Amino acid sequence: MIGKLIREQRQAIEELWEKTNASEKEKASFDRYFYINDEDKLTDVLLAKHEEYAGALNAKLEKMQPILELIERRESIIEERVELEMLQKDPDRLKGRNASKQLMKEEKMMRRVQKELPKITQHLEKKLKEWYVTNKPSQTDDDDVRDEDLGHFMYKGHPYLRTMKTQEHEWVTRKERGEKERQRKRQEERSASSGAAFGSNYSKLPGKKWNPPAGDRPRSASNMRPGSRGLRPGDVNRVNRPGDKSTKPGMTAKSSGYGARAVSAPRARF
C-alpha cells in the first residue's frame, strides 16, 4: 500500500518537473529518494519525503505561472513573426477572392509583432531578473565551480533570459542577411538592364536569316555603279542644274543619285 502511494507521488513529481521546466541538476537533487524501489525501504518516511518535495514543486509552479503565461504568449508572437515574413514573400497572396481577409489577418499579425512583442519582451526581462535575484544560489568560499544556470528561470531546459537574447540576435542577423540579398539582386537587375541597353547582352533572334541571291538584291544609292541608270561613267560630273544652258525651256531638274536629269513638265489637261 505504501509502495503504491509513493509511486503515485513520483508520477506527480515527474509532471511537476515538466511544468516547472526543471533542469537535470534540479532533478538529480532528489535522486537519492526517487530511485528507491526496495519494498522494505518504501516506508512512511520515504512517502513523507516525496509529499514534501511535491509540495515544494507545486509552490514553485504557482510562482512561475504568471511568467510562464507571458513566455507562452511571447513564443506565440515569435512564431507569428516568422509566419508573417514568409507570407510577405509571396506576391500573389493578395490576388485571390479572399485578398481582403488575408490583408486584415496580416495587419493584425503586424500589430502584435510591432507593438505587443516589444512590450512583453521588456516586461519579461524585468520579471526574469527579479526571479534570478530571489532564487540565485548563495556563493560560498568552498564553491570553486557553480552552474551558471542555477537560479535562472528555466524554459525547455534553458534560461529564458538567455533564450530571448539569442532569439533577438538571430532575428536581427536574419533581417540583415535578407536585406543584403535583396540589394544584391537589385544590383544584378540594374546591371542586366543597363547592359541590355548598350547591347552587351545582344543575342540573335531565332530562325533562319533571309539572304536573297545577289542578282535579286535591291539596289540602294550606296551600292549603285555609274551607268546603272543609263548614265555613262563620263556623265557623273555632267549634271544639269537650274539655269544651265543645257536645260531646255519647260524642263525641270529632277534629283537622282548622281545629280539631276531633265524631265518634261506635266501637260495641262483641258
C-alpha atoms as a PDB file:
ATOM      1  CA  MET A   1       0.000   0.000   0.000  1.00  0.00           C
ATOM      2  CA  ILE A   2       2.792   2.455   0.887  1.00  0.00           C
ATOM      3  CA  GLY A   3       4.651   1.488  -2.262  1.00  0.00           C
ATOM      4  CA  LYS A   4       1.615   2.379  -4.408  1.00  0.00           C
ATOM      5  CA  LEU A   5       1.295   5.820  -2.769  1.00  0.00           C
ATOM      6  CA  ILE A   6       4.994   6.502  -3.294  1.00  0.00           C
ATOM      7  CA  ARG A   7       4.757   5.577  -6.971  1.00  0.00           C
ATOM      8  CA  GLU A   8       1.772   7.919  -7.380  1.00  0.00           C
ATOM      9  CA  GLN A   9       3.796  10.720  -5.804  1.00  0.00           C
ATOM     10  CA  ARG A  10       6.674  10.029  -8.157  1.00  0.00           C
ATOM     11  CA  GLN A  11       4.352  10.305 -11.149  1.00  0.00           C
ATOM     12  CA  ALA A  12       3.073  13.649  -9.863  1.00  0.00           C
ATOM     13  CA  ILE A  13       6.671  14.819  -9.311  1.00  0.00           C
ATOM     14  CA  GLU A  14       7.592  13.974 -12.906  1.00  0.00           C
ATOM     15  CA  GLU A  15       4.650  16.032 -14.175  1.00  0.00           C
ATOM     16  CA  LEU A  16       5.689  18.939 -11.975  1.00  0.00           C
ATOM     17  CA  TRP A  17       9.250  18.714 -13.260  1.00  0.00           C
ATOM     18  CA  GLU A  18       7.937  19.137 -16.766  1.00  0.00           C
ATOM     19  CA  LYS A  19       5.638  22.042 -15.872  1.00  0.00           C
ATOM     20  CA  THR A  20       8.362  23.856 -13.943  1.00  0.00           C
ATOM     21  CA  ASN A  21      10.946  23.178 -16.661  1.00  0.00           C
ATOM     22  CA  ALA A  22      13.245  21.634 -14.082  1.00  0.00           C
ATOM     23  CA  SER A  23      16.868  21.177 -15.126  1.00  0.00           C
ATOM     24  CA  GLU A  24      18.685  17.847 -14.914  1.00  0.00           C
ATOM     25  CA  LYS A  25      20.618  19.131 -11.935  1.00  0.00           C
ATOM     26  CA  GLU A  26      17.407  20.009 -10.106  1.00  0.00           C
ATOM     27  CA  LYS A  27      16.012  16.537 -10.789  1.00  0.00           C
ATOM     28  CA  ALA A  28      19.228  14.879  -9.679  1.00  0.00           C
ATOM     29  CA  SER A  29      18.952  16.550  -6.276  1.00  0.00           C
ATOM     30  CA  PHE A  30      16.053  14.153  -5.444  1.00  0.00           C
ATOM     31  CA  ASP A  31      17.637  11.019  -6.896  1.00  0.00           C
ATOM     32  CA  ARG A  32      18.530   9.520  -3.512  1.00  0.00           C
ATOM     33  CA  TYR A  33      14.802   9.195  -2.726  1.00  0.00           C
ATOM     34  CA  PHE A  34      13.292   8.899  -6.204  1.00  0.00           C
ATOM     35  CA  TYR A  35      15.037   5.657  -7.190  1.00  0.00           C
ATOM     36  CA  ILE A  36      14.471   3.607  -4.041  1.00  0.00           C
ATOM     37  CA  ASN A  37      12.500   0.561  -5.174  1.00  0.00           C
ATOM     38  CA  ASP A  38      13.239  -1.987  -2.477  1.00  0.00           C
ATOM     39  CA  GLU A  39       9.907  -2.890  -0.863  1.00  0.00           C
ATOM     40  CA  ASP A  40      11.496  -2.969   2.578  1.00  0.00           C
ATOM     41  CA  LYS A  41      12.591   0.657   2.163  1.00  0.00           C
ATOM     42  CA  LEU A  42       9.277   2.004   0.864  1.00  0.00           C
ATOM     43  CA  THR A  43       8.269   3.369   4.243  1.00  0.00           C
ATOM     44  CA  ASP A  44       6.124   6.169   5.622  1.00  0.00           C
ATOM     45  CA  VAL A  45       9.263   8.297   5.990  1.00  0.00           C
ATOM     46  CA  LEU A  46      10.060   7.921   2.299  1.00  0.00           C
ATOM     47  CA  LEU A  47       6.446   8.754   1.415  1.00  0.00           C
ATOM     48  CA  ALA A  48       6.672  11.920   3.506  1.00  0.00           C
ATOM     49  CA  LYS A  49       9.832  12.943   1.659  1.00  0.00           C
ATOM     50  CA  HIS A  50       8.007  12.579  -1.670  1.00  0.00           C
ATOM     51  CA  GLU A  51       4.986  14.549  -0.477  1.00  0.00           C
ATOM     52  CA  GLU A  52       7.195  17.326   0.881  1.00  0.00           C
ATOM     53  CA  TYR A  53       9.121  17.573  -2.380  1.00  0.00           C
ATOM     54  CA  ALA A  54       5.933  17.569  -4.484  1.00  0.00           C
ATOM     55  CA  GLY A  55       4.522  20.358  -2.293  1.00  0.00           C
ATOM     56  CA  ALA A  56       7.650  22.462  -2.910  1.00  0.00           C
ATOM     57  CA  LEU A  57       7.304  21.945  -6.651  1.00  0.00           C
ATOM     58  CA  ASN A  58       3.641  22.978  -6.541  1.00  0.00           C
ATOM     59  CA  ALA A  59       4.544  26.167  -4.678  1.00  0.00           C
ATOM     60  CA  LYS A  60       7.239  26.904  -7.243  1.00  0.00           C
ATOM     61  CA  LEU A  61       4.805  26.318 -10.101  1.00  0.00           C
ATOM     62  CA  GLU A  62       2.329  28.752  -8.568  1.00  0.00           C
ATOM     63  CA  LYS A  63       5.001  31.450  -8.504  1.00  0.00           C
ATOM     64  CA  MET A  64       6.102  30.592 -12.024  1.00  0.00           C
ATOM     65  CA  GLN A  65       2.640  30.607 -13.573  1.00  0.00           C
ATOM     66  CA  PRO A  66       2.402  34.355 -14.384  1.00  0.00           C
ATOM     67  CA  ILE A  67       5.830  34.269 -16.017  1.00  0.00           C
ATOM     68  CA  LEU A  68       5.002  31.062 -17.900  1.00  0.00           C
ATOM     69  CA  GLU A  69       1.893  32.685 -19.350  1.00  0.00           C
ATOM     70  CA  LEU A  70       3.975  35.635 -20.562  1.00  0.00           C
ATOM     71  CA  ILE A  71       6.527  33.274 -22.102  1.00  0.00           C
ATOM     72  CA  GLU A  72       3.845  31.275 -23.900  1.00  0.00           C
ATOM     73  CA  ARG A  73       2.298  34.467 -25.239  1.00  0.00           C
ATOM     74  CA  ARG A  74       5.670  35.728 -26.415  1.00  0.00           C
ATOM     75  CA  GLU A  75       6.546  32.413 -28.080  1.00  0.00           C
ATOM     76  CA  SER A  76       3.231  32.540 -29.948  1.00  0.00           C
ATOM     77  CA  ILE A  77       4.037  36.002 -31.347  1.00  0.00           C
ATOM     78  CA  ILE A  78       7.573  34.894 -32.244  1.00  0.00           C
ATOM     79  CA  GLU A  79       6.045  32.154 -34.398  1.00  0.00           C
ATOM     80  CA  GLU A  80       3.691  34.709 -35.973  1.00  0.00           C
ATOM     81  CA  ARG A  81       6.656  36.916 -36.805  1.00  0.00           C
ATOM     82  CA  VAL A  82       8.270  34.133 -38.811  1.00  0.00           C
ATOM     83  CA  GLU A  83       4.944  33.261 -40.465  1.00  0.00           C
ATOM     84  CA  LEU A  84       4.349  36.894 -41.433  1.00  0.00           C
ATOM     85  CA  GLU A  85       7.775  37.130 -43.011  1.00  0.00           C
ATOM     86  CA  MET A  86       7.080  34.043 -45.128  1.00  0.00           C
ATOM     87  CA  LEU A  87       3.661  35.376 -46.185  1.00  0.00           C
ATOM     88  CA  GLN A  88       5.082  38.690 -47.332  1.00  0.00           C
ATOM     89  CA  LYS A  89       7.478  36.914 -49.670  1.00  0.00           C
ATOM     90  CA  ASP A  90       4.516  35.655 -51.738  1.00  0.00           C
ATOM     91  CA  PRO A  91       3.445  38.418 -54.188  1.00  0.00           C
ATOM     92  CA  ASP A  92       0.295  36.523 -55.246  1.00  0.00           C
ATOM     93  CA  ARG A  93      -1.235  36.157 -51.776  1.00  0.00           C
ATOM     94  CA  LEU A  94      -3.455  39.261 -52.188  1.00  0.00           C
ATOM     95  CA  LYS A  95      -4.756  38.470 -55.684  1.00  0.00           C
ATOM     96  CA  GLY A  96      -7.392  35.901 -54.807  1.00  0.00           C
ATOM     97  CA  ARG A  97     -11.013  36.231 -53.760  1.00  0.00           C
ATOM     98  CA  ASN A  98     -10.065  36.293 -50.067  1.00  0.00           C
ATOM     99  CA  ALA A  99      -7.495  39.050 -50.501  1.00  0.00           C
ATOM    100  CA  SER A 100      -9.271  41.408 -48.073  1.00  0.00           C
ATOM    101  CA  LYS A 101      -9.422  38.759 -45.337  1.00  0.00           C
ATOM    102  CA  GLN A 102      -5.777  37.911 -45.871  1.00  0.00           C
ATOM    103  CA  LEU A 103      -4.838  41.577 -45.654  1.00  0.00           C
ATOM    104  CA  MET A 104      -6.760  42.012 -42.391  1.00  0.00           C
ATOM    105  CA  LYS A 105      -5.059  38.920 -40.960  1.00  0.00           C
ATOM    106  CA  GLU A 106      -1.618  40.249 -41.832  1.00  0.00           C
ATOM    107  CA  GLU A 107      -2.425  43.662 -40.343  1.00  0.00           C
ATOM    108  CA  LYS A 108      -3.387  42.054 -37.024  1.00  0.00           C
ATOM    109  CA  MET A 109      -0.245  39.961 -37.054  1.00  0.00           C
ATOM    110  CA  MET A 110       1.810  43.070 -37.813  1.00  0.00           C
ATOM    111  CA  ARG A 111       0.307  44.947 -34.852  1.00  0.00           C
ATOM    112  CA  ARG A 112       1.123  42.076 -32.498  1.00  0.00           C
ATOM    113  CA  VAL A 113       4.671  41.817 -33.800  1.00  0.00           C
ATOM    114  CA  GLN A 114       5.433  45.542 -33.817  1.00  0.00           C
ATOM    115  CA  LYS A 115       3.571  46.675 -30.670  1.00  0.00           C
ATOM    116  CA  GLU A 116       2.791  43.770 -28.366  1.00  0.00           C
ATOM    117  CA  LEU A 117       6.027  41.801 -28.725  1.00  0.00           C
ATOM    118  CA  PRO A 118       8.372  44.610 -27.566  1.00  0.00           C
ATOM    119  CA  LYS A 119       6.178  45.285 -24.515  1.00  0.00           C
ATOM    120  CA  ILE A 120       6.042  41.614 -23.495  1.00  0.00           C
ATOM    121  CA  THR A 121       9.793  41.233 -24.008  1.00  0.00           C
ATOM    122  CA  GLN A 122      10.551  44.258 -21.845  1.00  0.00           C
ATOM    123  CA  HIS A 123       8.173  43.113 -19.092  1.00  0.00           C
ATOM    124  CA  LEU A 124       9.542  39.573 -19.177  1.00  0.00           C
ATOM    125  CA  GLU A 125      13.118  40.747 -18.932  1.00  0.00           C
ATOM    126  CA  LYS A 126      12.265  42.640 -15.759  1.00  0.00           C
ATOM    127  CA  LYS A 127      10.420  39.658 -14.215  1.00  0.00           C
ATOM    128  CA  LEU A 128      13.171  37.196 -15.094  1.00  0.00           C
ATOM    129  CA  LYS A 129      15.847  39.353 -13.486  1.00  0.00           C
ATOM    130  CA  GLU A 130      13.735  39.635 -10.329  1.00  0.00           C
ATOM    131  CA  TRP A 131      13.319  35.853 -10.337  1.00  0.00           C
ATOM    132  CA  TYR A 132      17.054  35.329 -10.503  1.00  0.00           C
ATOM    133  CA  VAL A 133      17.712  37.745  -7.640  1.00  0.00           C
ATOM    134  CA  THR A 134      15.228  35.808  -5.484  1.00  0.00           C
ATOM    135  CA  ASN A 135      16.360  32.304  -6.445  1.00  0.00           C
ATOM    136  CA  LYS A 136      20.070  32.599  -7.150  1.00  0.00           C
ATOM    137  CA  PRO A 137      22.231  30.215  -5.080  1.00  0.00           C
ATOM    138  CA  SER A 138      24.356  31.654  -2.330  1.00  0.00           C
ATOM    139  CA  GLN A 139      28.070  31.861  -3.105  1.00  0.00           C
ATOM    140  CA  THR A 140      30.424  30.370  -0.519  1.00  0.00           C
ATOM    141  CA  ASP A 141      34.173  30.202  -0.352  1.00  0.00           C
ATOM    142  CA  ASP A 142      34.097  26.448  -1.000  1.00  0.00           C
ATOM    143  CA  ASP A 143      32.324  26.861  -4.352  1.00  0.00           C
ATOM    144  CA  ASP A 144      35.040  26.635  -6.974  1.00  0.00           C
ATOM    145  CA  VAL A 145      32.628  25.922  -9.816  1.00  0.00           C
ATOM    146  CA  ARG A 146      28.979  26.928  -9.894  1.00  0.00           C
ATOM    147  CA  ASP A 147      26.361  26.102 -12.512  1.00  0.00           C
ATOM    148  CA  GLU A 148      25.596  29.366 -14.330  1.00  0.00           C
ATOM    149  CA  ASP A 149      22.003  28.252 -14.957  1.00  0.00           C
ATOM    150  CA  LEU A 150      21.143  27.849 -11.276  1.00  0.00           C
ATOM    151  CA  GLY A 151      18.650  30.420 -10.089  1.00  0.00           C
ATOM    152  CA  HIS A 152      17.551  31.402 -13.591  1.00  0.00           C
ATOM    153  CA  PHE A 153      14.005  30.874 -14.812  1.00  0.00           C
ATOM    154  CA  MET A 154      14.258  27.754 -16.954  1.00  0.00           C
ATOM    155  CA  TYR A 155      12.146  27.093 -20.028  1.00  0.00           C
ATOM    156  CA  LYS A 156      12.632  23.907 -22.026  1.00  0.00           C
ATOM    157  CA  GLY A 157      15.936  23.267 -20.346  1.00  0.00           C
ATOM    158  CA  HIS A 158      17.453  26.715 -20.902  1.00  0.00           C
ATOM    159  CA  PRO A 159      17.407  30.027 -19.006  1.00  0.00           C
ATOM    160  CA  TYR A 160      14.724  32.006 -20.790  1.00  0.00           C
ATOM    161  CA  LEU A 161      16.534  35.312 -20.261  1.00  0.00           C
ATOM    162  CA  ARG A 162      19.351  33.946 -22.402  1.00  0.00           C
ATOM    163  CA  THR A 163      16.870  32.463 -24.866  1.00  0.00           C
ATOM    164  CA  MET A 164      15.320  35.897 -25.504  1.00  0.00           C
ATOM    165  CA  LYS A 165      18.698  37.457 -26.256  1.00  0.00           C
ATOM    166  CA  THR A 166      19.555  34.606 -28.630  1.00  0.00           C
ATOM    167  CA  GLN A 167      16.214  34.918 -30.436  1.00  0.00           C
ATOM    168  CA  GLU A 168      16.585  38.657 -30.980  1.00  0.00           C
ATOM    169  CA  HIS A 169      20.189  38.331 -32.147  1.00  0.00           C
ATOM    170  CA  GLU A 170      19.247  35.627 -34.656  1.00  0.00           C
ATOM    171  CA  TRP A 171      16.293  37.687 -35.912  1.00  0.00           C
ATOM    172  CA  VAL A 172      18.383  40.829 -36.471  1.00  0.00           C
ATOM    173  CA  THR A 173      21.066  38.782 -38.230  1.00  0.00           C
ATOM    174  CA  ARG A 174      18.434  37.141 -40.426  1.00  0.00           C
ATOM    175  CA  LYS A 175      16.912  40.502 -41.426  1.00  0.00           C
ATOM    176  CA  GLU A 176      20.327  41.963 -42.259  1.00  0.00           C
ATOM    177  CA  ARG A 177      21.200  38.931 -44.363  1.00  0.00           C
ATOM    178  CA  GLY A 178      17.872  39.165 -46.201  1.00  0.00           C
ATOM    179  CA  GLU A 179      18.391  42.876 -46.887  1.00  0.00           C
ATOM    180  CA  LYS A 180      21.871  42.246 -48.288  1.00  0.00           C
ATOM    181  CA  GLU A 181      20.466  39.533 -50.552  1.00  0.00           C
ATOM    182  CA  ARG A 182      17.734  41.893 -51.840  1.00  0.00           C
ATOM    183  CA  GLN A 183      20.303  44.608 -52.537  1.00  0.00           C
ATOM    184  CA  ARG A 184      22.467  42.122 -54.414  1.00  0.00           C
ATOM    185  CA  LYS A 185      19.543  41.057 -56.603  1.00  0.00           C
ATOM    186  CA  ARG A 186      18.571  44.680 -57.326  1.00  0.00           C
ATOM    187  CA  GLN A 187      22.136  45.441 -58.322  1.00  0.00           C
ATOM    188  CA  GLU A 188      22.212  42.443 -60.655  1.00  0.00           C
ATOM    189  CA  GLU A 189      18.911  43.555 -62.248  1.00  0.00           C
ATOM    190  CA  ARG A 190      20.231  47.090 -62.778  1.00  0.00           C
ATOM    191  CA  SER A 191      23.442  45.751 -64.294  1.00  0.00           C
ATOM    192  CA  ALA A 192      21.495  43.451 -66.600  1.00  0.00           C
ATOM    193  CA  SER A 193      19.145  46.216 -67.761  1.00  0.00           C
ATOM    194  CA  SER A 194      21.963  48.702 -68.386  1.00  0.00           C
ATOM    195  CA  GLY A 195      23.952  46.040 -70.227  1.00  0.00           C
ATOM    196  CA  ALA A 196      20.996  45.255 -72.458  1.00  0.00           C
ATOM    197  CA  ALA A 197      20.549  48.941 -73.252  1.00  0.00           C
ATOM    198  CA  PHE A 198      24.114  49.182 -74.562  1.00  0.00           C
ATOM    199  CA  GLY A 199      23.984  45.896 -76.432  1.00  0.00           C
ATOM    200  CA  SER A 200      26.321  43.874 -74.238  1.00  0.00           C
ATOM    201  CA  ASN A 201      23.739  41.146 -73.910  1.00  0.00           C
ATOM    202  CA  TYR A 202      22.719  41.053 -77.573  1.00  0.00           C
ATOM    203  CA  SER A 203      21.588  37.690 -78.884  1.00  0.00           C
ATOM    204  CA  LYS A 204      20.360  36.713 -82.348  1.00  0.00           C
ATOM    205  CA  LEU A 205      16.686  36.131 -82.864  1.00  0.00           C
ATOM    206  CA  PRO A 206      15.663  32.546 -83.514  1.00  0.00           C
ATOM    207  CA  GLY A 207      15.023  31.379 -87.064  1.00  0.00           C
ATOM    208  CA  LYS A 208      16.953  31.408 -90.333  1.00  0.00           C
ATOM    209  CA  LYS A 209      18.078  34.764 -91.648  1.00  0.00           C
ATOM    210  CA  TRP A 210      16.789  35.666 -95.165  1.00  0.00           C
ATOM    211  CA  ASN A 211      19.680  36.004 -97.596  1.00  0.00           C
ATOM    212  CA  PRO A 212      18.444  36.644-101.208  1.00  0.00           C
ATOM    213  CA  PRO A 213      20.585  35.820-104.278  1.00  0.00           C
ATOM    214  CA  ALA A 214      22.997  38.512-105.395  1.00  0.00           C
ATOM    215  CA  GLY A 215      21.014  39.264-108.555  1.00  0.00           C
ATOM    216  CA  ASP A 216      17.762  39.789-106.646  1.00  0.00           C
ATOM    217  CA  ARG A 217      19.087  42.135-104.014  1.00  0.00           C
ATOM    218  CA  PRO A 218      17.520  45.626-104.138  1.00  0.00           C
ATOM    219  CA  ARG A 219      19.930  48.367-105.031  1.00  0.00           C
ATOM    220  CA  SER A 220      20.425  51.432-102.928  1.00  0.00           C
ATOM    221  CA  ALA A 221      22.153  54.704-103.592  1.00  0.00           C
ATOM    222  CA  SER A 222      25.233  53.392-101.821  1.00  0.00           C
ATOM    223  CA  ASN A 223      25.725  50.310-103.999  1.00  0.00           C
ATOM    224  CA  MET A 224      24.759  51.707-107.419  1.00  0.00           C
ATOM    225  CA  ARG A 225      27.507  51.820-110.029  1.00  0.00           C
ATOM    226  CA  PRO A 226      27.902  54.508-112.640  1.00  0.00           C
ATOM    227  CA  GLY A 227      25.836  53.676-115.695  1.00  0.00           C
ATOM    228  CA  SER A 228      23.317  51.631-113.773  1.00  0.00           C
ATOM    229  CA  ARG A 229      20.554  54.063-114.748  1.00  0.00           C
ATOM    230  CA  GLY A 230      21.694  54.814-118.302  1.00  0.00           C
ATOM    231  CA  LEU A 231      24.499  57.145-117.201  1.00  0.00           C
ATOM    232  CA  ARG A 232      27.946  56.669-118.575  1.00  0.00           C
ATOM    233  CA  PRO A 233      30.983  56.996-116.380  1.00  0.00           C
ATOM    234  CA  GLY A 234      31.821  60.288-118.027  1.00  0.00           C
ATOM    235  CA  ASP A 235      28.322  61.640-117.255  1.00  0.00           C
ATOM    236  CA  VAL A 236      28.742  61.567-113.499  1.00  0.00           C
ATOM    237  CA  ASN A 237      30.141  65.098-113.331  1.00  0.00           C
ATOM    238  CA  ARG A 238      27.842  66.472-116.049  1.00  0.00           C
ATOM    239  CA  VAL A 239      24.873  67.472-114.005  1.00  0.00           C
ATOM    240  CA  ASN A 240      22.136  69.731-115.217  1.00  0.00           C
ATOM    241  CA  ARG A 241      21.438  72.489-112.783  1.00  0.00           C
ATOM    242  CA  PRO A 242      18.734  75.163-112.819  1.00  0.00           C
ATOM    243  CA  GLY A 243      19.862  77.962-115.108  1.00  0.00           C
ATOM    244  CA  ASP A 244      22.210  75.693-117.088  1.00  0.00           C
ATOM    245  CA  LYS A 245      22.058  76.202-120.836  1.00  0.00           C
ATOM    246  CA  SER A 246      21.669  72.503-121.373  1.00  0.00           C
ATOM    247  CA  THR A 247      18.327  72.622-119.643  1.00  0.00           C
ATOM    248  CA  LYS A 248      15.603  73.105-122.167  1.00  0.00           C
ATOM    249  CA  PRO A 249      12.737  75.534-121.560  1.00  0.00           C
ATOM    250  CA  GLY A 250       9.821  73.917-119.941  1.00  0.00           C
ATOM    251  CA  MET A 251      12.054  71.323-118.344  1.00  0.00           C
ATOM    252  CA  THR A 252      12.763  70.990-114.625  1.00  0.00           C
ATOM    253  CA  ALA A 253      15.636  69.293-112.861  1.00  0.00           C
ATOM    254  CA  LYS A 254      14.810  66.115-111.029  1.00  0.00           C
ATOM    255  CA  SER A 255      17.270  64.824-108.457  1.00  0.00           C
ATOM    256  CA  SER A 256      18.876  61.445-108.953  1.00  0.00           C
ATOM    257  CA  GLY A 257      21.604  59.540-107.271  1.00  0.00           C
ATOM    258  CA  TYR A 258      24.278  61.282-109.410  1.00  0.00           C
ATOM    259  CA  GLY A 259      22.866  64.731-109.988  1.00  0.00           C
ATOM    260  CA  ALA A 260      19.807  65.988-111.822  1.00  0.00           C
ATOM    261  CA  ARG A 261      18.136  64.879-115.027  1.00  0.00           C
ATOM    262  CA  ALA A 262      15.701  66.870-117.145  1.00  0.00           C
ATOM    263  CA  VAL A 263      12.105  65.834-117.220  1.00  0.00           C
ATOM    264  CA  SER A 264       9.195  67.265-119.119  1.00  0.00           C
ATOM    265  CA  ALA A 265       6.777  69.467-117.286  1.00  0.00           C
ATOM    266  CA  PRO A 266       3.339  67.907-116.910  1.00  0.00           C
ATOM    267  CA  ARG A 267       0.935  68.885-119.667  1.00  0.00           C
ATOM    268  CA  ALA A 268      -2.168  70.783-118.794  1.00  0.00           C
ATOM    269  CA  ARG A 269      -5.375  68.945-119.408  1.00  0.00           C
ATOM    270  CA  PHE A 270      -8.449  70.761-120.868  1.00  0.00           C
END
